[in-house]
Amino acid sequence: MTLPQQPAPQRAQTHRQTALAYWTVGPCQGELRSEDLPAPAQGEVLVRALYSGISRGTELVVHEAHVPPRIAKKMRAPHQTGDFPAPVKFGYLSVGVVEDGPEDWIGQSVFCLHPHQDRYVVPLTSLTRIPDGVPARRAVLTGIAEIALNALWEAGPRLGDRIAVVGAGLVGGMTAALLRSFPLERLQLVETDPGKRGFVESLGVEFVHPDDAQQDCDIVFHCSATDEGLARSLQLVGDEGEIIEMSWYGNRAVSLPLGEDFHARRLSIRASQVGVVARSRRHRRTSSERLELAVSLLRDPVFDAFLTGESQFEELPGVFDGLENGELDDLCHIIAYPKDRKA
């Protein structure tokens, strides 16, 4: 996800504002830091954040300093500052309103793949307009819908397919929610935690314990980030079927019983990673077009079920601590930003 280097923009010499941003400063340590905020140059805008979302799986890998050094450069997020493991400013689910820039953008609600920060200056090309019918708070899920959309492009579900999604977390739930509209023979969301039954059923998807899941699937999307979930996926997919691996394990090793179903039934495990557009669409869709489609999918109020907790921006360091130690167990924890902080 590393962005190409671009020439430094020519900025007007005006009074510099300040911004407040969340930084991971060490393993399981984070803090809010003030930084100078330059005036927008030509082709740039100033965005005031309304909400950001915490993508729990990925952001805890960063928070806990589990990004493998070997792929640290590949796993950089757009507008990330600093390097893994720390200090680093990371995050990618931000929604705000344009306060300064081209006239036709002023007041526009936008989504941006930006870290947790109350104001930021970015190129216009980094923004995705939020369409009518998508509330700003729900729009933080745009980046998650993009991940699920890319995986569906990777897999190419067909009419009458039997599909299982293993893991009812944020990404697994989103993948299953998007699959609801496909003309499938069977769709099951496989999850060990009975406490997630209400969430899954609110999506209009069948909740199934791994022991009760039906086998002979055409495609299995694995999203649990556990050895057990991936091993069960190998059992659920049919002969010569495909598992789309959507979990990110960080630097944790994974153990699999490859001597069982994998070789005997000629199975395939294929990675899906949102840093590039899926191969089947790469020559006809840009990343910007993928984001525009993803945010348009969020008009359905069913997606509000993913927004299970909310805190104020100044509480963000404690929120990460709560997610790390298990005190908080939210799918997507929303961060709300103050409207009246002085620059």
Protein backbone atom coordinates (compact mmCIF):
# COMPACT_ATOMS: atom_id res chain seq x y z
CA MET A 1 0.00 0.00 0.00
CA THR A 2 3.02 2.29 -0.34
CA LEU A 3 2.13 5.45 -2.27
CA PRO A 4 4.41 6.76 -5.06
CA GLN A 5 6.57 9.72 -4.17
CA GLN A 6 5.26 13.02 -5.53
CA PRO A 7 6.88 16.47 -5.82
CA ALA A 8 6.30 18.67 -2.80
CA PRO A 9 3.30 20.98 -3.46
CA GLN A 10 3.78 24.75 -3.60
CA ARG A 11 2.06 26.15 -0.51
CA ALA A 12 0.94 29.64 0.28
CA GLN A 13 2.80 31.37 3.11
CA THR A 14 -0.10 31.68 5.56
CA HIS A 15 -0.64 31.12 9.26
CA ARG A 16 -0.07 27.46 10.09
CA GLN A 17 -2.80 25.68 11.98
CA THR A 18 -2.28 22.70 14.23
CA ALA A 19 -3.79 19.24 14.22
CA LEU A 20 -4.08 16.52 16.84
CA ALA A 21 -3.28 12.94 15.77
CA TYR A 22 -3.04 9.50 17.35
CA TRP A 23 0.41 7.85 17.31
CA THR A 24 1.50 4.36 18.30
CA VAL A 25 4.70 5.11 20.22
CA GLY A 26 5.62 1.60 21.39
CA PRO A 27 4.16 -1.88 21.88
CA CYS A 28 0.64 -1.36 23.30
CA GLN A 29 1.37 2.34 23.83
CA GLY A 30 -0.34 5.23 22.11
CA GLU A 31 -0.78 8.96 22.58
CA LEU A 32 -2.26 12.07 20.97
CA ARG A 33 0.33 14.40 19.48
CA SER A 34 -0.02 17.95 18.18
CA GLU A 35 1.52 18.79 14.82
CA ASP A 36 1.65 21.70 12.41
CA LEU A 37 -0.92 21.68 9.64
CA PRO A 38 0.08 23.52 6.44
CA ALA A 39 -2.33 25.47 4.31
CA PRO A 40 -3.64 23.49 1.33
CA ALA A 41 -1.67 23.87 -1.87
CA GLN A 42 -3.23 23.74 -5.34
CA GLY A 43 -5.01 20.42 -5.75
CA GLU A 44 -5.23 19.88 -1.99
CA VAL A 45 -7.98 20.29 0.61
CA LEU A 46 -8.27 20.75 4.36
CA VAL A 47 -10.56 18.16 5.94
CA ARG A 48 -12.07 18.38 9.42
CA ALA A 49 -12.69 14.88 10.75
CA LEU A 50 -16.18 13.94 11.91
CA TYR A 51 -15.63 10.25 12.66
CA SER A 52 -12.99 7.59 12.28
CA GLY A 53 -13.30 3.87 12.78
CA ILE A 54 -10.94 1.33 14.29
CA SER A 55 -10.38 -1.71 12.10
CA ARG A 56 -9.74 -3.93 15.07
CA GLY A 57 -7.82 -6.82 13.50
CA THR A 58 -5.32 -4.78 11.50
CA GLU A 59 -4.93 -1.92 13.96
CA LEU A 60 -4.28 -4.21 16.92
CA VAL A 61 -1.50 -5.88 14.92
CA VAL A 62 0.05 -2.40 14.65
CA HIS A 63 -0.77 -1.46 18.26
CA GLU A 64 0.89 -4.63 19.56
CA ALA A 65 3.95 -4.19 17.28
CA HIS A 66 3.31 -7.43 15.37
CA VAL A 67 3.91 -6.16 11.83
CA PRO A 68 6.62 -8.43 10.33
CA PRO A 69 9.70 -6.37 9.33
CA ARG A 70 9.93 -8.31 6.06
CA ILE A 71 6.68 -6.78 4.73
CA ALA A 72 6.59 -3.53 6.71
CA LYS A 73 6.96 -1.38 3.59
CA LYS A 74 4.22 -3.26 1.72
CA MET A 75 1.80 -2.84 4.64
CA ARG A 76 2.09 0.95 4.82
CA ALA A 77 -1.28 2.67 4.77
CA PRO A 78 -1.99 5.75 2.66
CA HIS A 79 -0.95 8.92 4.56
CA GLN A 80 0.85 6.88 7.20
CA THR A 81 3.64 8.78 8.96
CA GLY A 82 6.55 7.00 10.60
CA ASP A 83 7.60 3.39 10.26
CA PHE A 84 6.62 0.12 11.92
CA PRO A 85 6.87 -0.80 14.70
CA ALA A 86 6.90 2.75 16.19
CA PRO A 87 6.49 5.64 16.35
CA VAL A 88 3.87 5.46 13.65
CA LYS A 89 0.66 7.29 12.76
CA PHE A 90 -1.65 4.62 11.32
CA GLY A 91 -5.31 4.14 10.46
CA TYR A 92 -7.49 4.20 7.35
CA LEU A 93 -11.17 4.76 8.17
CA SER A 94 -11.73 8.52 8.32
CA VAL A 95 -14.81 10.57 7.44
CA GLY A 96 -14.84 14.35 7.46
CA VAL A 97 -16.03 17.52 5.82
CA VAL A 98 -13.95 19.71 3.49
CA GLU A 99 -13.29 23.11 5.07
CA ASP A 100 -10.79 24.61 2.62
CA GLY A 101 -9.99 23.91 -1.04
CA PRO A 102 -11.77 24.22 -4.40
CA GLU A 103 -15.15 25.89 -4.07
CA ASP A 104 -17.12 22.92 -5.35
CA TRP A 105 -15.65 20.75 -2.57
CA ILE A 106 -16.30 23.08 0.39
CA GLY A 107 -18.81 21.47 2.77
CA GLN A 108 -18.64 18.10 1.01
CA SER A 109 -18.67 15.02 3.25
CA VAL A 110 -15.81 12.72 2.27
CA PHE A 111 -14.14 9.43 3.11
CA CYS A 112 -10.36 9.23 3.26
CA LEU A 113 -7.87 6.43 3.97
CA HIS A 114 -6.24 8.56 6.69
CA PRO A 115 -4.99 7.90 10.24
CA HIS A 116 -6.91 9.09 13.31
CA GLN A 117 -6.48 12.88 13.20
CA ASP A 118 -8.85 15.79 13.78
CA ARG A 119 -7.77 17.87 10.76
CA TYR A 120 -5.61 16.97 7.80
CA VAL A 121 -4.48 18.25 4.41
CA VAL A 122 -4.53 15.75 1.54
CA PRO A 123 -4.69 15.77 -2.27
CA LEU A 124 -8.16 15.85 -3.79
CA THR A 125 -7.37 12.50 -5.37
CA SER A 126 -7.31 10.94 -1.87
CA LEU A 127 -10.97 11.73 -1.23
CA THR A 128 -14.13 9.79 -1.99
CA ARG A 129 -17.36 11.77 -1.96
CA ILE A 130 -20.00 10.29 0.33
CA PRO A 131 -23.25 9.98 -1.66
CA ASP A 132 -26.71 10.96 -0.50
CA GLY A 133 -28.28 8.26 1.62
CA VAL A 134 -25.05 7.26 3.40
CA PRO A 135 -24.78 8.89 6.87
CA ALA A 136 -21.31 10.15 7.75
CA ARG A 137 -21.05 7.84 10.77
CA ARG A 138 -21.81 4.74 8.69
CA ALA A 139 -19.43 5.87 5.97
CA VAL A 140 -16.40 4.96 8.13
CA LEU A 141 -17.13 1.39 6.95
CA THR A 142 -16.16 2.32 3.39
CA GLY A 143 -12.67 0.87 3.82
CA ILE A 144 -14.09 -2.38 5.18
CA ALA A 145 -16.64 -2.65 2.37
CA GLU A 146 -13.71 -2.14 -0.02
CA ILE A 147 -11.85 -5.11 1.52
CA ALA A 148 -14.91 -7.35 1.15
CA LEU A 149 -15.63 -6.09 -2.37
CA ASN A 150 -12.08 -6.85 -3.45
CA ALA A 151 -12.36 -10.39 -2.06
CA LEU A 152 -15.59 -10.96 -3.99
CA TRP A 153 -13.83 -9.79 -7.15
CA GLU A 154 -11.02 -12.23 -6.33
CA ALA A 155 -13.37 -15.18 -5.87
CA GLY A 156 -16.04 -14.48 -8.50
CA PRO A 157 -19.09 -16.17 -6.89
CA ARG A 158 -21.44 -17.76 -9.42
CA LEU A 159 -25.16 -18.42 -9.67
CA GLY A 160 -26.20 -21.19 -7.27
CA ASP A 161 -22.90 -21.33 -5.36
CA ARG A 162 -22.62 -22.78 -1.86
CA ILE A 163 -20.55 -20.38 0.22
CA ALA A 164 -19.30 -20.24 3.79
CA VAL A 165 -17.73 -17.24 5.50
CA VAL A 166 -15.67 -18.33 8.50
CA GLY A 167 -15.40 -15.70 11.22
CA ALA A 168 -18.13 -13.18 12.10
CA GLY A 169 -15.85 -10.24 12.82
CA LEU A 170 -15.82 -6.93 11.01
CA VAL A 171 -14.45 -8.22 7.70
CA GLY A 172 -16.27 -11.56 7.78
CA GLY A 173 -19.56 -9.89 8.62
CA MET A 174 -19.12 -7.35 5.85
CA THR A 175 -18.27 -10.08 3.32
CA ALA A 176 -21.37 -12.06 4.28
CA ALA A 177 -23.54 -8.93 4.20
CA LEU A 178 -22.47 -8.16 0.63
CA LEU A 179 -23.03 -11.78 -0.41
CA ARG A 180 -26.69 -11.62 0.71
CA SER A 181 -27.68 -10.07 -2.61
CA PHE A 182 -26.05 -12.82 -4.70
CA PRO A 183 -28.28 -15.60 -6.11
CA LEU A 184 -26.59 -18.33 -4.05
CA GLU A 185 -27.87 -21.77 -3.15
CA ARG A 186 -26.44 -21.45 0.36
CA LEU A 187 -24.70 -18.83 2.50
CA GLN A 188 -23.54 -19.57 6.04
CA LEU A 189 -21.59 -17.37 8.43
CA VAL A 190 -19.56 -19.75 10.58
CA GLU A 191 -18.68 -18.52 14.07
CA THR A 192 -17.73 -20.08 17.43
CA ASP A 193 -19.04 -17.23 19.62
CA PRO A 194 -22.79 -17.66 20.29
CA GLY A 195 -22.91 -14.04 21.42
CA LYS A 196 -22.62 -12.98 17.77
CA ARG A 197 -25.79 -14.79 16.70
CA GLY A 198 -27.92 -11.65 17.04
CA PHE A 199 -25.50 -9.60 14.96
CA VAL A 200 -25.32 -12.23 12.21
CA GLU A 201 -29.07 -12.71 12.05
CA SER A 202 -29.58 -8.92 11.92
CA LEU A 203 -27.69 -9.05 8.62
CA GLY A 204 -30.16 -11.59 7.26
CA VAL A 205 -27.49 -14.31 7.19
CA GLU A 206 -27.60 -17.79 8.75
CA PHE A 207 -25.47 -18.17 11.89
CA VAL A 208 -23.79 -21.59 12.12
CA HIS A 209 -21.42 -23.10 14.67
CA PRO A 210 -18.35 -24.70 13.02
CA ASP A 211 -19.48 -28.17 14.11
CA ASP A 212 -22.80 -27.71 12.29
CA ALA A 213 -21.55 -26.04 9.12
CA GLN A 214 -22.34 -27.77 5.83
CA GLN A 215 -19.49 -28.97 3.69
CA ASP A 216 -18.98 -29.22 -0.09
CA CYS A 217 -18.77 -25.44 -0.46
CA ASP A 218 -17.73 -23.92 -3.77
CA ILE A 219 -15.93 -21.06 -2.01
CA VAL A 220 -14.96 -20.43 1.61
CA PHE A 221 -13.94 -16.96 2.73
CA HIS A 222 -11.72 -17.28 5.81
CA CYS A 223 -11.79 -14.24 8.12
CA SER A 224 -11.26 -15.58 11.66
CA ALA A 225 -7.46 -15.08 11.85
CA THR A 226 -7.19 -18.37 13.77
CA ASP A 227 -5.51 -21.68 12.97
CA GLU A 228 -8.73 -23.49 13.87
CA GLY A 229 -10.80 -21.35 11.50
CA LEU A 230 -8.48 -21.96 8.57
CA ALA A 231 -8.31 -25.69 9.33
CA ARG A 232 -12.12 -25.86 9.41
CA SER A 233 -12.24 -23.96 6.11
CA LEU A 234 -10.18 -26.76 4.54
CA GLN A 235 -12.86 -29.21 5.64
CA LEU A 236 -15.81 -27.11 4.48
CA VAL A 237 -14.68 -26.40 0.93
CA GLY A 238 -15.54 -29.03 -1.70
CA ASP A 239 -13.11 -31.04 -3.81
CA GLU A 240 -10.81 -28.76 -5.83
CA GLY A 241 -12.54 -25.79 -4.21
CA GLU A 242 -10.96 -22.51 -3.16
CA ILE A 243 -10.44 -20.75 0.14
CA ILE A 244 -10.04 -16.98 -0.02
CA GLU A 245 -7.79 -16.05 2.91
CA MET A 246 -8.71 -12.60 4.21
CA SER A 247 -7.08 -12.73 7.66
CA TRP A 248 -3.87 -10.92 8.52
CA TYR A 249 -1.84 -12.79 11.12
CA GLY A 250 0.96 -10.26 11.55
CA ASN A 251 4.10 -12.03 12.73
CA ARG A 252 2.23 -14.98 14.21
CA ALA A 253 2.97 -18.42 12.71
CA VAL A 254 0.02 -20.52 11.53
CA SER A 255 -0.23 -24.30 11.91
CA LEU A 256 -2.34 -26.28 9.43
CA PRO A 257 -3.12 -30.01 8.90
CA LEU A 258 -2.05 -29.99 5.26
CA GLY A 259 -1.70 -33.76 5.29
CA GLU A 260 -5.49 -34.15 5.46
CA ASP A 261 -7.94 -32.42 3.10
CA PHE A 262 -5.53 -30.03 1.41
CA HIS A 263 -3.54 -32.44 -0.79
CA ALA A 264 -6.01 -35.31 -0.96
CA ARG A 265 -8.81 -33.12 -2.33
CA ARG A 266 -6.65 -30.72 -4.39
CA LEU A 267 -7.70 -27.58 -2.53
CA SER A 268 -6.45 -24.03 -3.10
CA ILE A 269 -5.80 -21.21 -0.64
CA ARG A 270 -5.61 -17.78 -2.25
CA ALA A 271 -4.71 -14.53 -0.50
CA SER A 272 -6.89 -11.45 -0.86
CA GLN A 273 -5.19 -8.16 -0.01
CA VAL A 274 -6.78 -4.77 -0.58
CA GLY A 275 -3.54 -2.95 -1.42
CA VAL A 276 -4.15 -3.64 -5.12
CA VAL A 277 -7.34 -4.13 -7.10
CA ALA A 278 -8.17 -7.82 -7.60
CA ARG A 279 -6.62 -9.27 -10.74
CA SER A 280 -9.99 -9.93 -12.39
CA ARG A 281 -10.79 -6.18 -12.34
CA ARG A 282 -7.33 -4.57 -12.23
CA HIS A 283 -7.27 -3.52 -15.88
CA ARG A 284 -10.77 -2.02 -15.81
CA ARG A 285 -11.17 -0.55 -12.30
CA THR A 286 -9.01 1.88 -10.37
CA SER A 287 -8.68 1.97 -6.60
CA SER A 288 -10.72 5.19 -6.62
CA GLU A 289 -13.53 3.53 -8.56
CA ARG A 290 -13.46 0.62 -6.13
CA LEU A 291 -13.87 3.03 -3.20
CA GLU A 292 -16.73 4.85 -4.94
CA LEU A 293 -18.56 1.55 -5.38
CA ALA A 294 -17.82 0.50 -1.79
CA VAL A 295 -19.30 3.64 -0.23
CA SER A 296 -22.39 3.42 -2.46
CA LEU A 297 -23.10 -0.04 -1.05
CA LEU A 298 -23.53 1.45 2.43
CA ARG A 299 -26.95 3.01 1.76
CA ASP A 300 -28.53 -0.04 3.42
CA PRO A 301 -29.22 0.70 7.15
CA VAL A 302 -28.32 -2.93 7.95
CA PHE A 303 -24.68 -1.84 8.08
CA ASP A 304 -25.33 0.17 11.26
CA ALA A 305 -25.14 -3.18 13.07
CA PHE A 306 -21.35 -3.06 12.63
CA LEU A 307 -21.02 0.18 14.62
CA THR A 308 -21.05 -1.27 18.12
CA GLY A 309 -19.19 1.29 20.24
CA GLU A 310 -18.31 4.99 20.28
CA SER A 311 -15.83 7.16 22.14
CA GLN A 312 -14.58 10.73 21.93
CA PHE A 313 -11.30 11.45 20.17
CA GLU A 314 -9.49 12.39 23.39
CA GLU A 315 -10.28 8.92 24.75
CA LEU A 316 -8.59 7.12 21.85
CA PRO A 317 -5.43 5.93 23.70
CA GLY A 318 -7.64 4.25 26.31
CA VAL A 319 -9.85 2.73 23.63
CA PHE A 320 -6.88 0.92 22.09
CA ASP A 321 -5.90 -0.34 25.54
CA GLY A 322 -9.44 -1.64 26.06
CA LEU A 323 -9.48 -3.43 22.71
CA GLU A 324 -6.07 -4.96 23.40
CA ASN A 325 -6.89 -6.25 26.90
CA GLY A 326 -10.40 -7.44 26.04
CA GLU A 327 -12.37 -4.87 28.05
CA LEU A 328 -13.88 -3.67 24.76
CA ASP A 329 -15.21 -6.18 22.25
CA ASP A 330 -16.54 -4.03 19.43
CA LEU A 331 -16.76 -4.87 15.75
CA CYS A 332 -16.04 -1.31 14.64
CA HIS A 333 -15.46 1.19 17.42
CA ILE A 334 -16.31 4.70 16.27
CA ILE A 335 -14.27 7.75 17.26
CA ALA A 336 -16.22 11.03 17.30
CA TYR A 337 -14.32 14.29 16.84
CA PRO A 338 -15.11 17.63 18.50
CA LYS A 339 -16.65 20.27 16.26
CA ASP A 340 -15.27 23.31 18.03
CA ARG A 341 -11.57 22.63 18.74
CA LYS A 342 -9.59 25.78 18.00
CA ALA A 343 -6.79 25.45 15.46
